Protein backbone atom coordinates (compact mmCIF):
# COMPACT_ATOMS: atom_id res chain seq x y z
CA MET A 1 -6.29 -91.19 178.82
CA SER A 2 -7.91 -90.08 175.35
CA PRO A 3 -11.72 -90.85 174.92
CA ILE A 4 -12.36 -94.17 172.81
CA SER A 5 -13.46 -93.21 169.28
CA LEU A 6 -16.68 -94.97 167.85
CA ASN A 7 -15.33 -93.90 164.30
CA ALA A 8 -12.19 -95.65 165.50
CA LEU A 9 -14.09 -98.88 165.65
CA ILE A 10 -16.37 -98.66 162.92
CA GLU A 11 -12.67 -97.30 160.41
CA LEU A 12 -11.68 -100.63 162.24
CA ALA A 13 -14.36 -103.17 160.83
CA ILE A 14 -14.33 -101.41 157.47
CA ASP A 15 -10.46 -102.11 157.35
CA LEU A 16 -10.41 -105.48 157.82
CA SER A 17 -13.51 -106.65 155.77
CA HIS A 18 -11.47 -105.21 152.40
CA SER A 19 -8.24 -106.60 153.99
CA LEU A 20 -8.66 -110.38 154.37
CA VAL A 21 -5.99 -111.94 152.18
CA ASN A 22 -3.72 -107.96 152.51
CA ASP A 23 -0.01 -108.92 154.21
CA ASP A 24 -0.37 -106.48 156.62
CA ARG A 25 -3.96 -107.37 157.78
CA PHE A 26 -2.67 -108.15 161.01
CA GLU A 27 -0.48 -104.62 161.68
CA ARG A 28 -3.36 -102.85 160.09
CA LEU A 29 -5.73 -104.46 162.70
CA LEU A 30 -3.02 -103.15 165.66
CA THR A 31 -2.91 -99.79 164.21
CA HIS A 32 -6.25 -99.23 164.42
CA ILE A 33 -6.44 -100.45 168.20
CA ARG A 34 -3.82 -97.78 168.67
CA LYS A 35 -5.91 -95.17 167.47
CA ALA A 36 -9.20 -96.61 169.48
CA ILE A 37 -6.84 -97.03 172.72
CA ASN A 38 -3.83 -95.55 173.81
CA CYS A 39 -1.13 -97.67 174.30
CA ASP A 40 2.50 -98.54 174.77
CA ALA A 41 2.33 -101.96 173.14
CA VAL A 42 0.02 -103.74 171.52
CA VAL A 43 0.76 -107.78 170.41
CA LEU A 44 -1.58 -110.19 169.12
CA LEU A 45 -0.73 -113.89 169.65
CA THR A 46 -1.86 -117.19 168.20
CA LEU A 47 -2.91 -120.19 169.78
CA GLN A 48 0.20 -123.08 168.89
CA GLY A 49 -1.10 -125.81 171.67
CA GLU A 50 0.53 -124.67 175.08
CA PHE A 51 2.17 -121.61 173.45
CA LEU A 52 1.30 -118.72 172.02
CA LYS A 53 3.45 -117.40 168.77
CA PRO A 54 3.29 -113.49 168.12
CA LEU A 55 1.88 -112.87 164.66
CA ALA A 56 2.04 -108.81 165.05
CA GLN A 57 3.46 -106.39 167.43
CA GLN A 58 3.61 -102.72 167.66
CA GLY A 59 5.78 -101.01 170.70
CA LEU A 60 8.46 -104.30 171.34
CA THR A 61 11.29 -104.80 170.16
CA THR A 62 11.60 -106.80 166.61
CA GLU A 63 12.71 -109.80 168.45
CA VAL A 64 9.50 -110.66 170.24
CA LEU A 65 8.22 -111.92 166.72
CA GLY A 66 10.98 -115.19 167.22
CA ARG A 67 9.72 -115.73 170.74
CA ARG A 68 7.35 -119.03 171.76
CA PHE A 69 5.89 -118.05 174.63
CA GLU A 70 5.10 -120.99 176.65
CA ILE A 71 1.49 -120.43 178.77
CA GLN A 72 2.30 -122.27 181.60
CA GLN A 73 4.99 -119.81 182.71
CA HIS A 74 3.74 -117.06 182.05
CA PRO A 75 1.15 -116.26 184.84
CA ARG A 76 -0.90 -113.27 182.95
CA PHE A 77 -1.07 -115.43 180.00
CA ILE A 78 -2.69 -118.58 182.07
CA GLU A 79 -4.97 -115.73 183.60
CA ILE A 80 -6.27 -114.72 180.04
CA CYS A 81 -6.49 -117.66 178.86
CA GLN A 82 -8.98 -118.96 180.98
CA ALA A 83 -11.04 -115.57 180.60
CA LYS A 84 -13.74 -115.47 178.45
CA THR A 85 -14.10 -111.72 178.23
CA PRO A 86 -11.26 -108.92 178.00
CA LEU A 87 -8.92 -109.14 181.85
CA ARG A 88 -7.16 -106.04 183.20
CA PHE A 89 -5.01 -106.29 185.62
CA ASP A 90 -4.46 -103.87 188.27
CA SER A 91 -1.65 -101.80 188.38
CA GLU A 92 0.00 -103.09 191.56
CA SER A 93 -0.13 -106.29 190.70
CA GLU A 94 2.70 -108.58 191.51
CA LEU A 95 2.31 -110.43 188.32
CA PRO A 96 5.27 -110.22 186.33
CA ASP A 97 4.51 -109.28 182.78
CA PRO A 98 5.67 -111.52 180.21
CA TYR A 99 6.69 -108.37 177.68
CA ASP A 100 8.88 -106.69 180.83
CA GLY A 101 12.03 -105.02 179.76
CA LEU A 102 10.87 -105.21 175.80
CA LEU A 103 8.67 -102.01 175.57
CA LEU A 104 10.87 -99.61 173.25
CA ALA A 105 9.27 -96.74 175.30
CA MET A 106 10.43 -97.78 178.54
CA GLU A 107 14.03 -96.20 179.94
CA GLY A 108 15.54 -98.93 182.05
CA ASP A 109 13.99 -101.81 183.12
CA LEU A 110 10.88 -100.51 184.88
CA PRO A 111 7.66 -103.17 185.02
CA VAL A 112 5.16 -102.32 182.67
CA HIS A 113 2.52 -100.56 184.63
CA SER A 114 -1.02 -101.43 182.72
CA CYS A 115 -1.65 -104.59 181.29
CA MET A 116 -4.65 -105.97 179.56
CA GLY A 117 -5.74 -108.88 177.66
CA LEU A 118 -8.09 -110.13 175.23
CA PRO A 119 -9.16 -113.52 174.50
CA LEU A 120 -9.36 -114.24 171.30
CA LEU A 121 -12.49 -116.57 170.84
CA PHE A 122 -14.13 -118.48 167.85
CA GLU A 123 -17.31 -120.72 168.52
CA GLY A 124 -16.37 -120.33 172.37
CA ASN A 125 -12.88 -121.98 171.86
CA LEU A 126 -9.28 -120.15 172.58
CA ILE A 127 -7.71 -119.01 169.08
CA GLY A 128 -4.99 -116.40 170.54
CA VAL A 129 -4.53 -113.59 172.57
CA LEU A 130 -4.55 -109.61 172.21
CA THR A 131 -2.31 -108.21 174.96
CA LEU A 132 -2.50 -104.21 175.50
CA ASP A 133 0.00 -102.81 177.50
CA SER A 134 0.96 -98.91 178.93
CA LEU A 135 3.52 -97.87 181.02
CA THR A 136 0.73 -95.46 182.44
CA PRO A 137 -0.59 -96.73 185.78
CA ASN A 138 -4.46 -97.74 185.38
CA GLU A 139 -5.18 -96.13 181.85
CA PHE A 140 -7.26 -98.95 180.81
CA ASP A 141 -9.78 -98.77 183.76
CA ASP A 142 -12.50 -96.23 181.83
CA ILE A 143 -12.50 -98.14 178.74
CA PRO A 144 -16.17 -99.24 178.67
CA ALA A 145 -16.24 -102.76 179.18
CA ARG A 146 -18.77 -103.05 175.45
CA THR A 147 -15.51 -101.58 173.50
CA LEU A 148 -13.49 -103.87 174.72
CA ASP A 149 -16.26 -106.61 173.78
CA ILE A 150 -16.53 -105.59 170.26
CA ILE A 151 -12.87 -104.92 169.46
CA SER A 152 -12.51 -109.12 170.75
CA ALA A 153 -15.19 -110.15 168.42
CA ILE A 154 -13.27 -108.16 165.83
CA SER A 155 -10.12 -109.69 166.34
CA ALA A 156 -10.76 -113.25 166.83
CA ALA A 157 -12.73 -112.55 163.53
CA ALA A 158 -9.89 -111.10 161.83
CA LEU A 159 -7.27 -114.36 163.12
CA LYS A 160 -9.89 -116.43 162.28
CA ASN A 161 -10.26 -115.74 158.74
CA ALA A 162 -6.81 -115.84 158.59
CA LEU A 163 -5.91 -119.15 160.00
CA THR A 164 -9.09 -120.53 158.11
CA LEU A 165 -7.32 -119.07 154.74
CA GLU A 166 -4.28 -120.96 155.57
CA LEU A 167 -5.74 -124.15 156.21
CA TYR A 168 -7.86 -123.76 152.88
CA GLN A 169 -4.12 -123.22 151.20
CA ARG A 170 -2.98 -126.91 152.12
CA ASP A 171 -5.03 -130.24 151.52
CA ALA A 172 -7.89 -130.27 153.13
CA SER A 173 -7.91 -133.48 154.66
CA HIS A 174 -4.80 -132.94 155.97
CA ALA A 175 -4.01 -129.46 157.16
CA ARG A 176 -5.48 -129.90 160.33
CA ALA A 177 -3.00 -132.94 161.05
CA VAL A 178 -0.29 -131.00 159.81
CA VAL A 179 -0.89 -127.24 161.55
CA GLU A 180 -0.47 -129.53 164.86
CA GLU A 181 2.04 -132.03 164.09
CA LEU A 182 4.33 -128.78 162.62
CA THR A 183 3.45 -126.70 166.16
CA GLN A 184 4.27 -130.10 168.20
CA GLU A 185 7.83 -130.48 166.33
CA ALA A 186 8.49 -127.07 166.33
CA LEU A 187 8.16 -127.24 170.07
CA THR A 188 9.70 -130.21 171.10
CA LYS A 189 13.04 -129.80 169.10
CA ASP A 190 15.10 -126.82 168.88
CA GLY A 191 15.02 -125.53 165.35
CA GLY A 192 12.52 -126.92 165.07
CA GLU A 193 10.23 -123.95 163.08
CA LEU A 194 11.00 -122.55 159.91
CA ILE A 195 11.53 -118.48 161.26
CA GLY A 196 12.26 -115.63 158.91
CA ASP A 197 10.85 -113.38 156.64
CA SER A 198 13.36 -112.71 154.63
CA GLU A 199 13.29 -112.50 150.38
CA ALA A 200 15.00 -115.69 150.39
CA MET A 201 13.10 -117.70 152.69
CA SER A 202 10.22 -116.91 151.57
CA ARG A 203 11.27 -118.58 148.57
CA LEU A 204 12.50 -121.22 149.79
CA LYS A 205 9.02 -121.54 151.67
CA GLN A 206 7.11 -121.41 148.92
CA GLU A 207 9.28 -124.10 147.05
CA ILE A 208 8.25 -126.13 149.84
CA GLN A 209 4.93 -125.80 149.55
CA ILE A 210 4.88 -126.70 145.96
CA VAL A 211 7.13 -129.91 146.52
CA ALA A 212 4.90 -130.86 149.76
CA GLY A 213 1.95 -131.91 147.75
CA SER A 214 3.59 -134.53 145.57
CA ASP A 215 5.58 -137.65 146.09
CA PHE A 216 8.35 -136.40 143.94
CA THR A 217 11.93 -137.30 145.28
CA ALA A 218 13.56 -133.94 146.57
CA LEU A 219 16.93 -132.78 146.94
CA ILE A 220 18.16 -130.25 150.19
CA GLN A 221 21.30 -128.80 149.39
CA GLY A 222 23.03 -125.75 151.25
CA GLU A 223 26.16 -125.61 153.67
CA THR A 224 26.58 -127.36 157.49
CA GLY A 225 24.09 -126.09 160.10
CA VAL A 226 21.71 -124.36 157.67
CA GLY A 227 18.67 -126.50 158.65
CA LYS A 228 18.58 -128.88 155.79
CA GLU A 229 16.80 -131.85 158.63
CA LEU A 230 14.11 -129.41 159.44
CA VAL A 231 12.97 -128.58 155.96
CA ALA A 232 12.73 -132.60 155.24
CA ARG A 233 10.56 -132.33 158.18
CA THR A 234 8.48 -129.87 156.40
CA ILE A 235 7.85 -131.45 153.54
CA HIS A 236 6.95 -134.33 155.21
CA GLN A 237 4.38 -132.57 157.38
CA GLN A 238 2.92 -130.33 154.75
CA SER A 239 2.41 -133.71 152.54
CA ASN A 240 -0.13 -136.34 151.91
CA ARG A 241 1.91 -138.82 153.74
CA ASN A 242 2.33 -136.65 157.29
CA ASN A 243 0.05 -139.39 159.06
CA GLY A 244 2.88 -141.66 157.91
CA PRO A 245 6.25 -142.34 159.34
CA LEU A 246 9.43 -140.16 158.82
CA VAL A 247 12.56 -142.25 158.88
CA TYR A 248 15.76 -140.91 159.15
CA VAL A 249 18.85 -141.98 157.79
CA ASN A 250 22.20 -140.28 158.54
CA CYS A 251 24.16 -142.03 155.84
CA ALA A 252 27.99 -141.13 157.04
CA ALA A 253 27.26 -142.54 160.18
CA LEU A 254 26.43 -146.08 159.09
CA PRO A 255 29.43 -148.45 158.83
CA GLU A 256 29.70 -149.40 155.16
CA ASN A 257 29.76 -152.69 155.53
CA LEU A 258 26.36 -152.73 157.14
CA ILE A 259 24.39 -149.92 155.05
CA GLU A 260 23.10 -151.89 152.74
CA SER A 261 21.37 -153.88 155.80
CA GLU A 262 20.56 -150.51 157.34
CA LEU A 263 18.89 -149.54 154.12
CA PHE A 264 16.69 -153.02 152.98
CA GLY A 265 17.18 -155.05 155.53
CA HIS A 266 18.55 -158.64 155.80
CA VAL A 267 17.72 -162.57 156.56
CA LYS A 268 18.60 -164.34 159.22
CA GLY A 269 22.34 -166.01 158.62
CA ALA A 270 22.68 -163.35 156.03
CA PHE A 271 26.36 -162.92 157.72
CA THR A 272 27.90 -163.19 160.97
CA GLY A 273 25.85 -161.68 163.40
CA ALA A 274 22.97 -161.44 161.92
CA SER A 275 21.07 -163.85 164.23
CA GLN A 276 16.94 -163.27 162.99
CA ASN A 277 15.34 -161.61 160.12
CA ARG A 278 15.30 -157.06 160.50
CA SER A 279 13.23 -154.86 158.75
CA GLY A 280 15.05 -152.29 156.86
CA LYS A 281 14.79 -148.41 156.94
CA PHE A 282 13.02 -148.36 153.23
CA THR A 283 10.22 -151.15 155.15
CA ILE A 284 10.10 -149.02 158.62
CA ALA A 285 9.34 -145.92 156.37
CA ASN A 286 6.88 -148.00 154.11
CA GLY A 287 3.85 -145.12 153.36
CA GLY A 288 5.73 -142.26 154.98
CA THR A 289 8.91 -140.34 154.25
CA LEU A 290 12.71 -141.73 153.63
CA PHE A 291 15.06 -138.57 154.54
CA LEU A 292 18.83 -139.06 153.94
CA ASP A 293 20.76 -137.22 154.76
CA GLU A 294 24.60 -137.18 153.63
CA ILE A 295 23.40 -138.66 150.46
CA GLY A 296 27.05 -137.89 149.27
CA GLU A 297 28.72 -140.47 151.77
CA ILE A 298 26.65 -143.30 150.26
CA PRO A 299 29.44 -145.69 148.41
CA LEU A 300 29.50 -146.46 145.08
CA GLN A 301 28.40 -149.95 144.96
CA VAL A 302 25.22 -149.35 147.47
CA GLN A 303 24.18 -146.66 145.59
CA SER A 304 23.14 -148.75 141.94
CA LYS A 305 20.86 -151.00 144.46
CA LEU A 306 19.36 -147.52 146.26
CA LEU A 307 19.09 -146.27 142.51
CA ARG A 308 17.06 -149.65 141.86
CA ALA A 309 14.77 -148.67 145.00
CA LEU A 310 13.98 -145.29 143.70
CA GLN A 311 13.36 -146.19 140.01
CA SER A 312 10.89 -149.11 140.87
CA GLN A 313 10.10 -149.15 144.91
CA GLU A 314 11.31 -152.36 145.14
CA ILE A 315 14.37 -153.61 147.67
CA GLN A 316 15.60 -156.97 148.01
CA PRO A 317 17.12 -157.76 151.74
CA VAL A 318 20.92 -158.87 152.39
CA GLY A 319 20.72 -162.72 151.74
CA GLN A 320 17.06 -163.09 150.23
CA ASP A 321 16.59 -163.39 146.58
CA LYS A 322 12.86 -162.42 146.06
CA THR A 323 12.04 -158.46 145.95
CA HIS A 324 9.41 -156.34 147.58
CA LYS A 325 7.19 -153.47 146.78
CA VAL A 326 7.25 -150.63 149.50
CA ASP A 327 5.72 -147.13 148.59
CA VAL A 328 8.14 -144.83 150.03
CA ARG A 329 8.66 -141.24 148.97
CA ILE A 330 12.76 -140.18 149.55
CA ILE A 331 14.21 -136.89 150.80
CA ALA A 332 18.04 -136.35 150.82
CA ALA A 333 20.17 -133.70 151.75
CA THR A 334 23.62 -132.81 151.11
CA ASN A 335 26.22 -130.32 151.52
CA ARG A 336 28.60 -130.95 148.84
CA ASP A 337 28.40 -130.43 145.02
CA LEU A 338 26.70 -133.71 144.01
CA GLN A 339 26.44 -132.74 140.42
CA GLN A 340 30.24 -132.03 140.13
CA GLU A 341 30.61 -135.28 141.77
CA ALA A 342 28.84 -137.15 139.21
CA GLU A 343 30.96 -135.08 136.79
CA ASN A 344 33.85 -136.73 138.18
CA GLY A 345 32.90 -140.15 138.81
CA ASP A 346 32.64 -139.68 142.37
CA PHE A 347 29.11 -140.02 142.43
CA ARG A 348 26.10 -142.15 139.94
CA ALA A 349 25.05 -139.82 137.43
CA ASP A 350 21.85 -141.67 137.22
CA LEU A 351 21.09 -141.61 140.92
CA TYR A 352 21.88 -137.84 141.14
CA HIS A 353 19.18 -137.36 138.74
CA ARG A 354 16.84 -139.36 140.70
CA LEU A 355 17.72 -137.65 143.28
CA SER A 356 17.28 -134.21 142.24
CA VAL A 357 14.13 -134.40 140.29
CA TYR A 358 12.74 -131.41 142.53
CA PRO A 359 16.26 -129.75 144.42
CA LEU A 360 15.85 -127.38 147.10
CA THR A 361 18.82 -124.91 148.12
CA VAL A 362 18.72 -123.96 151.63
CA PRO A 363 20.12 -120.01 151.83
CA PRO A 364 22.82 -119.79 154.77
CA LEU A 365 22.59 -117.39 157.30
CA ARG A 366 24.82 -114.66 155.81
CA GLN A 367 22.50 -114.71 152.66
CA ARG A 368 19.40 -113.67 155.24
CA LYS A 369 20.56 -111.70 157.51
CA GLN A 370 17.33 -109.81 158.30
CA ASP A 371 15.69 -113.09 159.64
CA ILE A 372 18.69 -112.92 162.13
CA VAL A 373 16.93 -110.74 164.89
CA LEU A 374 13.89 -113.48 164.78
CA LEU A 375 16.33 -116.23 165.64
CA SER A 376 17.99 -115.17 168.23
CA GLY A 377 14.30 -113.97 169.74
CA TYR A 378 13.21 -117.97 168.95
CA PHE A 379 16.57 -118.84 170.35
CA VAL A 380 16.68 -116.96 173.41
CA GLU A 381 13.36 -117.86 174.45
CA LEU A 382 13.77 -121.60 174.43
CA MET A 383 17.06 -120.23 176.56
CA ARG A 384 15.01 -118.25 178.87
CA ARG A 385 12.62 -121.36 179.46
CA LYS A 386 15.58 -123.66 179.92
CA LEU A 387 17.52 -121.45 182.80
CA GLY A 388 13.95 -120.82 184.42
CA LEU A 389 14.39 -116.97 183.93
CA GLN A 390 11.36 -114.85 183.65
CA GLN A 391 12.72 -112.35 181.12
CA ILE A 392 16.25 -112.49 179.12
CA LYS A 393 16.40 -109.63 176.87
CA PHE A 394 19.09 -108.03 174.20
CA ALA A 395 20.96 -104.65 175.22
CA ALA A 396 20.38 -102.56 172.04
CA GLU A 397 23.80 -102.75 170.87
CA VAL A 398 23.88 -106.77 170.09
CA ILE A 399 21.34 -107.23 167.36
CA PRO A 400 23.16 -104.81 165.38
CA TYR A 401 26.46 -106.63 166.47
CA LEU A 402 25.04 -110.12 164.92
CA ASN A 403 24.11 -108.77 161.86
CA ARG A 404 28.24 -108.02 160.81
CA TYR A 405 29.38 -110.66 161.40
CA ASP A 406 28.83 -113.41 158.33
CA TRP A 407 27.91 -116.61 160.67
CA PRO A 408 30.22 -119.65 158.92
CA GLY A 409 28.30 -121.91 160.88
CA ASN A 410 24.61 -120.46 160.01
CA ILE A 411 21.81 -121.04 162.22
CA ARG A 412 23.53 -123.71 164.55
CA GLU A 413 26.28 -121.34 165.36
CA LEU A 414 24.18 -118.76 165.92
CA GLU A 415 21.89 -120.97 168.35
CA HIS A 416 25.25 -121.60 170.26
CA CYS A 417 25.80 -117.85 170.33
CA ILE A 418 22.55 -117.08 171.93
CA ASN A 419 23.23 -119.69 174.42
CA ARG A 420 26.54 -119.60 175.20
CA ALA A 421 25.60 -115.87 175.68
CA ALA A 422 22.00 -116.22 177.87
CA LEU A 423 24.32 -118.05 180.31
CA LYS A 424 27.18 -115.55 180.94
CA ALA A 425 24.02 -112.78 181.23
CA ARG A 426 22.48 -115.16 183.89
CA SER A 427 25.81 -115.17 185.87
CA ARG A 428 26.57 -111.72 186.48
CA SER A 429 23.13 -111.47 186.83
CA ALA A 430 21.71 -110.90 190.81
CA VAL A 431 19.98 -113.82 191.70
CA ASN A 432 16.69 -112.53 192.16
CA GLU A 433 17.22 -110.42 189.04
CA ALA A 434 14.33 -110.22 187.37
CA ILE A 435 15.20 -109.19 183.80
CA ILE A 436 18.43 -110.40 182.61
CA ALA A 437 19.58 -108.23 179.33
CA ILE A 438 22.44 -109.65 177.17
CA ASN A 439 25.26 -107.81 176.16
CA ARG A 440 27.94 -107.64 173.57
CA ASN A 441 30.33 -109.42 175.73
CA ASP A 442 28.69 -112.16 176.56
CA ILE A 443 28.14 -112.62 172.59
CA GLY A 444 32.38 -112.16 172.43
CA LEU A 445 34.66 -111.78 169.77
CA LEU A 446 32.50 -111.94 166.22
CA GLN A 447 35.85 -111.72 163.66
CA THR A 448 34.55 -111.23 160.15
CA ASP A 449 37.88 -112.72 158.87
CA HIS A 450 38.50 -116.20 159.81
CA GLU A 451 41.71 -117.33 160.03
CA LEU A 452 43.07 -120.42 158.20
CA PRO A 453 46.35 -122.75 158.57
CA THR A 454 48.94 -121.97 157.24
CA SER A 455 51.63 -124.60 155.63
CA SER A 456 53.94 -123.70 158.55
CA ASP A 457 51.30 -124.90 160.76
CA SER A 458 49.21 -127.83 158.94
CA TYR A 459 50.08 -131.48 158.15
CA SER A 460 47.72 -131.85 154.83
CA ASN A 461 50.72 -130.37 153.09
CA GLN A 462 53.26 -132.54 154.38
CA THR A 463 54.73 -136.59 153.73
CA THR A 464 55.27 -138.17 156.66
CA ALA A 465 58.61 -139.22 156.47
CA PRO A 466 59.34 -143.49 156.90
CA ASP A 467 59.26 -144.59 160.09
CA ALA A 468 60.71 -148.58 161.41
CA THR A 469 57.78 -148.20 163.96
CA ASN A 470 55.20 -147.17 161.90
CA PRO A 471 53.49 -149.92 159.45
CA THR A 472 51.90 -147.27 157.69
CA VAL A 473 52.23 -143.70 156.94
CA VAL A 474 50.05 -141.22 154.93
CA SER A 475 50.70 -138.67 152.42
CA PRO A 476 48.06 -136.07 150.50
CA ARG A 477 48.24 -134.75 147.49
CA THR A 478 49.94 -131.09 147.62
CA ARG A 479 47.14 -128.68 148.66
CA GLU A 480 45.55 -126.14 146.26
CA PRO A 481 45.15 -122.52 147.49
CA VAL A 482 41.64 -122.19 149.46
CA ASN A 483 39.45 -120.21 147.88
CA ASN A 484 35.83 -121.01 149.38
CA LEU A 485 34.67 -122.25 152.34
CA LYS A 486 34.35 -125.94 151.14
CA GLN A 487 38.61 -125.91 150.41
CA ALA A 488 38.68 -124.28 153.80
CA THR A 489 36.79 -127.53 155.56
CA GLU A 490 38.37 -130.10 153.28
CA GLN A 491 41.91 -128.91 154.59
CA PHE A 492 41.07 -128.83 158.32
CA GLN A 493 39.62 -132.37 157.76
CA ARG A 494 42.70 -132.93 156.07
CA GLN A 495 44.79 -131.79 158.91
CA CYS A 496 42.52 -133.39 161.95
CA ILE A 497 42.78 -136.80 160.19
CA LEU A 498 46.76 -136.35 159.88
CA GLN A 499 47.70 -135.40 162.91
CA ALA A 500 45.66 -138.34 164.51
CA LEU A 501 47.39 -140.81 162.07
CA GLU A 502 50.28 -139.43 163.34
CA SER A 503 49.29 -139.62 167.36
CA SER A 504 48.24 -143.13 166.81
CA ASN A 505 51.20 -144.67 165.02
CA GLY A 506 49.56 -144.80 161.74
CA ASN A 507 46.68 -146.82 163.61
CA TRP A 508 43.33 -146.12 161.35
CA ALA A 509 41.30 -147.70 164.21
CA ALA A 510 42.81 -145.37 166.96
CA ALA A 511 42.43 -142.46 164.89
CA ALA A 512 39.07 -143.01 164.57
CA ARG A 513 38.12 -143.72 168.38
CA GLN A 514 40.68 -140.33 168.64
CA LEU A 515 38.27 -138.40 166.23
CA ASP A 516 35.22 -140.14 167.65
CA MET A 517 33.94 -141.40 164.41
CA ASP A 518 33.78 -144.94 162.87
CA ARG A 519 36.78 -146.36 161.12
CA ALA A 520 34.53 -146.78 157.96
CA ASN A 521 33.27 -143.74 157.64
CA LEU A 522 37.05 -142.23 158.45
CA SER A 523 38.57 -144.62 155.66
CA ARG A 524 35.77 -143.20 153.01
CA LEU A 525 36.90 -139.35 153.87
CA ALA A 526 40.77 -139.87 154.15
CA LYS A 527 39.72 -141.47 150.57
CA ARG A 528 37.67 -138.36 149.53
CA LEU A 529 40.19 -136.38 150.87
CA ASP A 530 43.15 -137.77 148.78
CA ILE A 531 45.18 -139.28 151.79
CA GLN A 532 47.13 -141.99 150.45
CA VAL A 533 48.16 -145.15 152.31
CA VAL A 534 52.21 -145.31 152.09
CA ARG A 535 54.26 -148.28 153.32
CA SER A 536 57.18 -147.49 155.65
CA ILE A 537 60.53 -148.72 154.63
CA LYS A 538 62.69 -150.27 156.89
CA GLY A 539 66.31 -149.19 156.46
C-alpha cells in the first residue's frame, strides 16, 4: 500500500476552498481522496431520509448514480450510519457489500475484499457517507485514524456547503420542507424523482425552478410516459404552496355528465343522486395546487366555466346561485397539440392561452439517451428492493443495447422493461445466488422500427356493412398515411374501438366495458377520432 501523503490532504483542503460552487467539486474531492488513499472505488453519498443517494463515484459502474440505497437493507450501511468515527470492516466480514459485482476493476463477481466507511457528520448529525473499497485484503488497516478523521471532516464540510448552497437557491422559508417532501415523494412512489443530467433535462429543471416560485399557470406538454405528472409534483414541491394540498384530477377519466360537479362541487338536490353537498376539486385544493392531467379531454361546455375559475378565482357549485372565491394554482398537462386544436376550434383558444402562461415541454427519452443509464440504475435498485435481493447488476452489453432503442413509450416503457428483465434474471439464477446479472436476453428484443397495422388488417379504413341485427354501425373517415407517432397512436385507437364495436354488435356500453373505459369517455374519444354513427337500413 502506498503511504498516505500529507501533501495530498493539503491539496484536498486548498482545492475545495476554491471550488465551493463548481459543478465538479465532488468529483475533485474523490480524486484527491484517491491520491491520499489507494483504493479501487470511492463513493460520496448524501442522506435522504431512510436512503443514501450517490452524488459522485469513481471506480464503479455508472448506473450506481441512479440507485437509491435503502439503509436498512444494507448491513454495512447500517453500521456506518450508526458510527461516529470512520469504520473499517474486516476483510473476512460476512456482511454483504452494497457494491458487490459493481466495481470496474473486478473480474467476474468476486465480492469486495476491503471496505471502509466514513460517516459524514455536521454538528453531530449524519448528513452523508463516504465509502472506500478495494479488492486487496487489509488494504486500509494501516491508515492512521487521524488521517481518516481529517478526510471525514473535509468531506463533511464540502457536502454541507453544497447542501447549504442548494437550500439558499430556493425560498428560505420553505426550502427544508420542500427537500423533505420531495425526498419522501421520490422514495414512496416509483418514478418519483426527476433523474437525469442530460442537457435536455438540465434545461427542464431550470425551467421548473423558474416557474415554481411564481403562481403562474403552467402547461406541461409531452408524449405519453415522459413523466408529466412528476414534473407537476416537482413544481408544487418547489413552490410557496408546498405546505398546501396537491390535488390530482385525470380529466379523461371523469364522466362527461359529472365533470362539472367533480371540479366545482354541487349542492344537495342539484341532480338525481346528489343526496348531500359535495366539495369539488377546486375547493379541496384551496391554498395549494390543482393538477389537471389530460386537460385536452375536458368538454367544450365545461371549458367556459374552467376559464372563469382561472380568470377570477371564483367557482360556482352545480345547483348553487352564488359563487365563492378560491385560491388555487393550476398546473395542466396534455399529450395533445392544444395550440393546433385551438386553431381548429376543438379547444377554446382563450382557455388555451390562460393555461399556457408558462409552457413546459418534457423531452421524450429518445432526446435524452444520456439519462438511460441513470434511469436504469434507479429502476433496477427499486426492483432489487421489491424482490428482496442482495444485488442486481447489468451485464456489460445491456446499457449500450438500451441506448440503441428509441423508446416510443418513454420512461414508463424503460421501467417496465427493467422490471421484466429483473424478474427473468432472478428466475434463471440459483436460489441463494448473491449477485444476479441482467443480460441482453433478459431485456428481450427491442426493435428500432415498429410495424404498424396495414390496410389489410385494420378496421379503421373500412365501413362496416349494414346489418339487420345491428342497431348502429360505425364508419370513420378515410385514414391518412401515418407520418408520425401521434397519427400512429390515433390509428391504433381507432382500430381498437371499431373492433370492440363490431364484436359487441354496435353496443357502445358493451364496447366500453370491453375496452375497460367509461362510456362517456369512449364517446368523446370516438368523436375526436371521427368515428361516426351510421344507422343501419333493414332490407
